């Protein structure tokens, strides 16, 4: 039976603690689903980045660090 972990975060911006959470989830599960919160809020002081920009930042960071084929 395969397992799928879930990491829910805003990534405003992505930082080392987020990367650590994703890494730990990959250690404990076959796949990991990343869920970006506050996708409808952007260009605000607390949420400066759009969903698309955050997605691109995450993919760029993970490509060099982790097995992205296991990340949804």
C-alpha atoms as a PDB file:
ATOM      1  CA  UNK A   1       0.000   0.000   0.000  1.00  0.00           C
ATOM      2  CA  UNK A   2       1.406   3.415  -0.905  1.00  0.00           C
ATOM      3  CA  UNK A   3       1.090   6.497   1.266  1.00  0.00           C
ATOM      4  CA  UNK A   4       0.675  10.156   0.408  1.00  0.00           C
ATOM      5  CA  UNK A   5       1.647  12.859   2.887  1.00  0.00           C
ATOM      6  CA  UNK A   6       0.239  16.385   2.779  1.00  0.00           C
ATOM      7  CA  UNK A   7       2.091  19.631   3.455  1.00  0.00           C
ATOM      8  CA  UNK A   8      -0.107  22.728   3.737  1.00  0.00           C
ATOM      9  CA  UNK A   9       1.697  26.057   3.650  1.00  0.00           C
ATOM     10  CA  UNK A  10       1.569  29.560   2.145  1.00  0.00           C
ATOM     11  CA  UNK A  11       5.219  29.809   1.051  1.00  0.00           C
ATOM     12  CA  UNK A  12       5.208  33.600   1.247  1.00  0.00           C
ATOM     13  CA  UNK A  13       8.144  33.081   0.583  1.00  0.00           C
ATOM     14  CA  UNK A  14       9.440  29.527   0.489  1.00  0.00           C
ATOM     15  CA  UNK A  15      12.156  29.046   3.111  1.00  0.00           C
ATOM     16  CA  UNK A  16      14.356  26.391   4.742  1.00  0.00           C
ATOM     17  CA  UNK A  17      11.682  25.251   7.195  1.00  0.00           C
ATOM     18  CA  UNK A  18       9.294  24.534   4.299  1.00  0.00           C
ATOM     19  CA  UNK A  19      12.014  22.545   2.540  1.00  0.00           C
ATOM     20  CA  UNK A  20      12.638  20.591   5.759  1.00  0.00           C
ATOM     21  CA  UNK A  21       8.913  19.774   6.090  1.00  0.00           C
ATOM     22  CA  UNK A  22       8.759  18.544   2.502  1.00  0.00           C
ATOM     23  CA  UNK A  23      11.905  16.457   2.991  1.00  0.00           C
ATOM     24  CA  UNK A  24      10.502  14.853   6.162  1.00  0.00           C
ATOM     25  CA  UNK A  25       7.193  14.125   4.440  1.00  0.00           C
ATOM     26  CA  UNK A  26       9.084  12.424   1.581  1.00  0.00           C
ATOM     27  CA  UNK A  27      11.023  10.309   4.082  1.00  0.00           C
ATOM     28  CA  UNK A  28       7.768   9.071   5.629  1.00  0.00           C
ATOM     29  CA  UNK A  29       5.590   8.694   2.514  1.00  0.00           C
ATOM     30  CA  UNK A  30       5.722   7.404  -1.044  1.00  0.00           C
ATOM     31  CA  UNK A  31       4.334  10.680  -2.402  1.00  0.00           C
ATOM     32  CA  UNK A  32       3.726  14.143  -0.985  1.00  0.00           C
ATOM     33  CA  UNK A  33       0.940  16.541  -1.949  1.00  0.00           C
ATOM     34  CA  UNK A  34       1.852  20.213  -1.525  1.00  0.00           C
ATOM     35  CA  UNK A  35      -1.128  22.467  -0.840  1.00  0.00           C
ATOM     36  CA  UNK A  36      -0.639  26.224  -1.184  1.00  0.00           C
ATOM     37  CA  UNK A  37      -2.935  28.205   1.075  1.00  0.00           C
ATOM     38  CA  UNK A  38      -4.157  31.749   0.444  1.00  0.00           C
ATOM     39  CA  UNK A  39      -4.137  31.227  -3.318  1.00  0.00           C
ATOM     40  CA  UNK A  40      -6.869  33.818  -3.750  1.00  0.00           C
ATOM     41  CA  UNK A  41      -4.915  36.484  -1.861  1.00  0.00           C
ATOM     42  CA  UNK A  42      -1.894  38.245  -3.317  1.00  0.00           C
ATOM     43  CA  UNK A  43      -0.293  41.637  -3.683  1.00  0.00           C
ATOM     44  CA  UNK A  44      -0.887  42.249   0.008  1.00  0.00           C
ATOM     45  CA  UNK A  45       1.694  42.898   2.713  1.00  0.00           C
ATOM     46  CA  UNK A  46       1.135  39.462   4.275  1.00  0.00           C
ATOM     47  CA  UNK A  47       0.720  37.664   0.916  1.00  0.00           C
ATOM     48  CA  UNK A  48       2.893  39.463  -1.638  1.00  0.00           C
ATOM     49  CA  UNK A  49       3.300  36.634  -4.169  1.00  0.00           C
ATOM     50  CA  UNK A  50       0.766  35.168  -6.608  1.00  0.00           C
ATOM     51  CA  UNK A  51      -0.026  31.463  -6.720  1.00  0.00           C
ATOM     52  CA  UNK A  52       1.844  31.080 -10.040  1.00  0.00           C
ATOM     53  CA  UNK A  53       4.995  32.779  -8.708  1.00  0.00           C
ATOM     54  CA  UNK A  54       4.981  30.633  -5.561  1.00  0.00           C
ATOM     55  CA  UNK A  55       4.463  27.470  -7.625  1.00  0.00           C
ATOM     56  CA  UNK A  56       7.391  28.374  -9.886  1.00  0.00           C
ATOM     57  CA  UNK A  57       9.626  29.161  -6.873  1.00  0.00           C
ATOM     58  CA  UNK A  58       8.765  25.821  -5.262  1.00  0.00           C
ATOM     59  CA  UNK A  59       9.348  23.791  -8.432  1.00  0.00           C
ATOM     60  CA  UNK A  60      12.659  25.567  -9.042  1.00  0.00           C
ATOM     61  CA  UNK A  61      13.851  24.919  -5.498  1.00  0.00           C
ATOM     62  CA  UNK A  62      12.719  21.292  -5.406  1.00  0.00           C
ATOM     63  CA  UNK A  63      14.223  20.362  -8.787  1.00  0.00           C
ATOM     64  CA  UNK A  64      17.706  20.750  -7.383  1.00  0.00           C
ATOM     65  CA  UNK A  65      17.040  19.259  -3.956  1.00  0.00           C
ATOM     66  CA  UNK A  66      14.487  16.427  -4.103  1.00  0.00           C
ATOM     67  CA  UNK A  67      12.797  13.769  -6.228  1.00  0.00           C
ATOM     68  CA  UNK A  68      10.036  15.914  -7.750  1.00  0.00           C
ATOM     69  CA  UNK A  69       8.407  12.879  -9.389  1.00  0.00           C
ATOM     70  CA  UNK A  70       7.109  11.984  -5.915  1.00  0.00           C
ATOM     71  CA  UNK A  71       5.578  15.432  -5.326  1.00  0.00           C
ATOM     72  CA  UNK A  72       2.059  16.378  -6.348  1.00  0.00           C
END
